[in-house]
Amino acid sequence: MPNPPDNLRSDRASASVEDYIKAVYRLQAEHGRATTRDLSQALGVQMASVTGMMKQLHAAGYVDHKPYQGVELTPSGETLALRVLRRHRLLELFLHRTLGIAWDEVHEDAERLEHAVSERLIAKIDAFLGEPVFDPHGAPIPQNDGTVPELQGRLLSDCPPGHCGQVLQVSDKDPALLRHLADLGIRIGLQVRVLDQAPFGGPVRLQAAGRQIDLGRQAAERVLVSVGSCEP
């Protein structure tokens, strides 16, 4: 994966560019494109600021901007987005695994550090952690060659009674949700069996680690589990 230009790595403006590129990548993955309104909400900035930045990114060759249709990353933009995500997710894992910082607290520190660390340090962290594939929340870590590990599963809210699988990924957007899941004992790698799906938006009842867990529907919609067979 080639490095982004030096002027997008070394100063305060570069951090803003990287934040925008990363937000476009995430919105594009979820919705197929990133609109000005969605970027404004995701980044907490005025729509006029988003419009100005999109023009700059378009001129720099990082996005294709179509008026009233949003933006999509160019190959160069995707390369930069994956490199920023790689830094961010490796830093989250390092903070969580090495320093013991809770999975609901690592995001904010990683957001700050991702713009400051060198690629040499990221390579050292990657080797130290054993070239990991997933971050503390189960999100794939883009590899150094630009590939992204595949993650296939099913949302817990969509699993019928009797479904068994391991928790693969949880949404990292809401720290309160992560704390709630931790309090319930739900973690990456946990083997769960769906006992019941209550109707009308009711909770999902699970069996895990020898006990029953009632998980609210909104939380279940943010937990991805594998598709597999139950252990004996």
Protein backbone atom coordinates (compact mmCIF):
# COMPACT_ATOMS: atom_id res chain seq x y z
CA MET A 1 0.00 0.00 0.00
CA PRO A 2 1.70 3.25 -1.07
CA ASN A 3 2.09 6.05 1.43
CA PRO A 4 -0.08 9.18 1.08
CA PRO A 5 1.66 12.41 0.09
CA ASP A 6 3.75 14.02 2.82
CA ASN A 7 1.57 17.13 2.89
CA LEU A 8 -1.37 14.96 3.97
CA ARG A 9 0.49 13.42 6.89
CA SER A 10 2.50 16.08 8.63
CA ASP A 11 0.28 18.97 9.67
CA ARG A 12 -3.07 19.83 11.21
CA ALA A 13 -4.79 20.06 7.82
CA SER A 14 -3.75 16.51 7.00
CA ALA A 15 -5.56 15.20 10.06
CA SER A 16 -8.74 16.85 8.81
CA VAL A 17 -8.26 15.37 5.35
CA GLU A 18 -7.74 11.91 6.79
CA ASP A 19 -10.82 12.22 8.99
CA TYR A 20 -12.94 13.15 5.98
CA ILE A 21 -11.52 10.36 3.83
CA LYS A 22 -12.16 7.81 6.58
CA ALA A 23 -15.74 9.06 7.03
CA VAL A 24 -16.38 8.81 3.29
CA TYR A 25 -15.07 5.24 3.31
CA ARG A 26 -17.37 4.18 6.15
CA LEU A 27 -20.45 5.86 4.70
CA GLN A 28 -19.71 4.45 1.27
CA ALA A 29 -19.43 0.96 2.76
CA GLU A 30 -22.81 1.37 4.47
CA HIS A 31 -24.78 3.29 1.85
CA GLY A 32 -22.83 3.07 -1.41
CA ARG A 33 -21.97 6.77 -1.32
CA ALA A 34 -21.41 9.63 1.12
CA THR A 35 -23.70 12.66 0.98
CA THR A 36 -22.89 16.10 2.32
CA ARG A 37 -25.58 15.74 4.97
CA ASP A 38 -24.30 12.33 6.13
CA LEU A 39 -20.73 13.62 6.35
CA SER A 40 -21.90 16.68 8.26
CA GLN A 41 -23.64 14.48 10.82
CA ALA A 42 -20.83 11.94 11.04
CA LEU A 43 -18.12 14.54 11.59
CA GLY A 44 -20.13 17.12 13.51
CA VAL A 45 -19.33 19.98 11.15
CA GLN A 46 -21.37 22.43 9.10
CA MET A 47 -22.54 21.34 5.65
CA ALA A 48 -20.76 24.33 4.12
CA SER A 49 -17.48 23.05 5.55
CA VAL A 50 -18.14 19.61 4.08
CA THR A 51 -18.85 21.12 0.66
CA GLY A 52 -15.59 23.06 0.72
CA MET A 53 -13.57 20.03 1.76
CA MET A 54 -15.18 17.82 -0.88
CA LYS A 55 -14.09 20.30 -3.54
CA GLN A 56 -10.52 20.12 -2.23
CA LEU A 57 -10.54 16.33 -2.11
CA HIS A 58 -12.00 16.18 -5.60
CA ALA A 59 -9.27 18.50 -6.90
CA ALA A 60 -6.64 16.34 -5.17
CA GLY A 61 -8.00 13.22 -6.86
CA TYR A 62 -9.28 11.50 -3.71
CA VAL A 63 -13.02 11.60 -4.44
CA ASP A 64 -15.39 11.82 -7.36
CA HIS A 65 -17.91 14.51 -6.52
CA LYS A 66 -21.28 14.58 -8.27
CA PRO A 67 -23.54 17.49 -7.28
CA TYR A 68 -26.67 16.35 -5.39
CA GLN A 69 -25.47 12.73 -5.50
CA GLY A 70 -22.67 12.71 -2.92
CA VAL A 71 -19.10 11.48 -3.33
CA GLU A 72 -17.27 8.23 -3.85
CA LEU A 73 -13.61 7.49 -3.20
CA THR A 74 -11.23 7.16 -6.11
CA PRO A 75 -8.58 4.40 -5.98
CA SER A 76 -6.18 6.93 -4.44
CA GLY A 77 -8.78 7.92 -1.88
CA GLU A 78 -9.47 4.32 -0.97
CA THR A 79 -5.76 3.66 -0.52
CA LEU A 80 -5.49 6.58 1.90
CA ALA A 81 -8.66 5.53 3.76
CA LEU A 82 -7.39 2.00 4.26
CA ARG A 83 -4.06 3.24 5.55
CA VAL A 84 -5.76 5.50 8.11
CA LEU A 85 -8.09 2.68 9.17
CA ARG A 86 -5.11 0.36 9.50
CA ARG A 87 -3.38 2.79 11.84
CA HIS A 88 -6.56 3.37 13.84
CA ARG A 89 -7.47 -0.27 14.35
CA LEU A 90 -3.94 -1.38 15.16
CA LEU A 91 -3.71 1.41 17.72
CA GLU A 92 -7.03 0.39 19.26
CA LEU A 93 -5.84 -3.19 19.60
CA PHE A 94 -2.49 -2.10 21.04
CA LEU A 95 -4.17 0.12 23.63
CA HIS A 96 -6.66 -2.60 24.55
CA ARG A 97 -4.39 -5.64 24.59
CA THR A 98 -1.17 -4.09 25.86
CA LEU A 99 -2.33 -1.29 28.14
CA GLY A 100 -5.61 -2.87 29.23
CA ILE A 101 -7.78 0.06 28.14
CA ALA A 102 -11.42 -0.99 27.90
CA TRP A 103 -12.89 -1.52 24.44
CA ASP A 104 -15.31 1.37 24.97
CA GLU A 105 -12.44 3.80 25.67
CA VAL A 106 -9.84 3.05 23.00
CA HIS A 107 -11.53 4.84 20.09
CA GLU A 108 -10.97 8.41 21.25
CA ASP A 109 -7.26 7.91 21.97
CA ALA A 110 -6.75 6.07 18.68
CA GLU A 111 -8.46 8.94 16.84
CA ARG A 112 -5.82 11.32 18.16
CA LEU A 113 -2.84 9.04 17.74
CA GLU A 114 -3.61 7.84 14.20
CA HIS A 115 -2.54 11.17 12.72
CA ALA A 116 0.71 11.37 14.67
CA VAL A 117 2.31 7.93 14.49
CA SER A 118 4.81 7.09 11.78
CA GLU A 119 4.44 4.16 9.41
CA ARG A 120 7.60 2.73 10.97
CA LEU A 121 5.96 2.68 14.40
CA ILE A 122 2.78 1.15 12.99
CA ALA A 123 4.88 -1.61 11.40
CA LYS A 124 6.52 -2.24 14.79
CA ILE A 125 3.13 -2.38 16.54
CA ASP A 126 1.81 -4.74 13.88
CA ALA A 127 4.77 -7.11 14.35
CA PHE A 128 4.59 -6.85 18.16
CA LEU A 129 0.91 -7.83 18.12
CA GLY A 130 1.57 -10.75 15.78
CA GLU A 131 0.16 -9.20 12.61
CA PRO A 132 -3.45 -9.27 13.84
CA VAL A 133 -6.45 -9.45 11.53
CA PHE A 134 -9.17 -7.88 13.70
CA ASP A 135 -9.38 -5.00 16.18
CA PRO A 136 -10.90 -5.22 19.71
CA HIS A 137 -14.43 -4.85 18.30
CA GLY A 138 -13.92 -7.48 15.61
CA ALA A 139 -13.52 -5.00 12.73
CA PRO A 140 -11.08 -6.16 10.02
CA ILE A 141 -7.68 -4.50 10.07
CA PRO A 142 -6.57 -3.52 6.56
CA GLN A 143 -3.33 -5.33 5.82
CA ASN A 144 -0.14 -3.68 4.65
CA ASP A 145 -0.69 -4.88 1.09
CA GLY A 146 -4.04 -3.06 0.92
CA THR A 147 -6.27 -6.11 1.33
CA VAL A 148 -9.07 -6.20 3.89
CA PRO A 149 -9.83 -9.51 5.64
CA GLU A 150 -13.30 -10.83 4.89
CA LEU A 151 -15.84 -11.03 7.68
CA GLN A 152 -19.01 -13.00 7.02
CA GLY A 153 -21.75 -13.44 9.55
CA ARG A 154 -25.29 -12.63 10.51
CA LEU A 155 -26.73 -9.95 12.74
CA LEU A 156 -27.93 -11.41 16.02
CA SER A 157 -31.29 -9.72 15.52
CA ASP A 158 -31.79 -11.78 12.32
CA CYS A 159 -30.87 -15.16 13.79
CA PRO A 160 -33.75 -17.60 14.36
CA PRO A 161 -34.17 -19.60 17.58
CA GLY A 162 -31.67 -22.45 17.63
CA HIS A 163 -28.97 -20.52 15.78
CA CYS A 164 -25.48 -20.96 17.20
CA GLY A 165 -22.35 -19.01 16.50
CA GLN A 166 -19.49 -16.95 17.86
CA VAL A 167 -19.62 -13.20 18.32
CA LEU A 168 -17.53 -11.82 15.44
CA GLN A 169 -17.99 -8.06 15.60
CA VAL A 170 -19.84 -5.41 17.54
CA SER A 171 -20.51 -1.83 16.51
CA ASP A 172 -17.99 0.60 18.00
CA LYS A 173 -20.08 3.71 17.37
CA ASP A 174 -21.60 3.91 20.86
CA PRO A 175 -19.38 3.53 23.97
CA ALA A 176 -22.50 3.06 26.12
CA LEU A 177 -23.46 0.02 24.04
CA LEU A 178 -19.98 -1.45 24.42
CA ARG A 179 -20.16 -0.98 28.20
CA HIS A 180 -23.60 -2.60 28.25
CA LEU A 181 -22.38 -5.60 26.25
CA ALA A 182 -19.36 -5.97 28.53
CA ASP A 183 -21.63 -5.88 31.60
CA LEU A 184 -23.66 -8.72 30.07
CA GLY A 185 -20.50 -10.71 29.40
CA ILE A 186 -20.77 -10.41 25.62
CA ARG A 187 -17.35 -10.26 24.00
CA ILE A 188 -15.61 -11.16 20.75
CA GLY A 189 -15.34 -14.93 20.40
CA LEU A 190 -18.18 -15.74 22.81
CA GLN A 191 -20.23 -18.78 21.73
CA VAL A 192 -23.95 -18.02 21.83
CA ARG A 193 -27.18 -19.88 21.09
CA VAL A 194 -30.36 -18.01 20.26
CA LEU A 195 -33.17 -19.30 22.46
CA ASP A 196 -35.94 -16.92 21.46
CA GLN A 197 -36.71 -13.82 19.42
CA ALA A 198 -39.45 -11.89 21.20
CA PRO A 199 -42.02 -10.35 18.81
CA PHE A 200 -42.75 -6.65 18.27
CA GLY A 201 -39.19 -5.50 18.82
CA GLY A 202 -38.72 -7.43 22.05
CA PRO A 203 -35.40 -8.75 23.33
CA VAL A 204 -33.36 -11.63 21.96
CA ARG A 205 -32.83 -14.36 24.55
CA LEU A 206 -29.44 -16.05 24.39
CA GLN A 207 -27.63 -18.88 26.08
CA ALA A 208 -23.95 -18.18 26.57
CA ALA A 209 -21.32 -19.33 29.05
CA GLY A 210 -23.87 -21.45 30.90
CA ARG A 211 -26.42 -18.70 31.50
CA GLN A 212 -29.26 -16.85 29.82
CA ILE A 213 -28.91 -13.30 28.54
CA ASP A 214 -31.74 -11.05 27.39
CA LEU A 215 -30.34 -8.60 24.84
CA GLY A 216 -32.41 -5.64 23.66
CA ARG A 217 -33.34 -5.52 20.00
CA GLN A 218 -31.33 -2.37 19.25
CA ALA A 219 -28.22 -3.94 20.75
CA ALA A 220 -28.80 -7.23 18.90
CA GLU A 221 -28.90 -5.27 15.63
CA ARG A 222 -25.28 -4.24 16.26
CA VAL A 223 -23.82 -7.65 17.03
CA LEU A 224 -22.53 -9.88 14.21
CA VAL A 225 -22.25 -13.62 14.83
CA SER A 226 -20.87 -16.47 12.77
CA VAL A 227 -22.99 -19.00 10.97
CA GLY A 228 -22.03 -22.37 12.42
CA SER A 229 -23.15 -25.36 14.36
CA CYS A 230 -23.65 -25.64 18.09
CA GLU A 231 -20.96 -27.20 20.18
CA PRO A 232 -21.97 -30.49 21.81
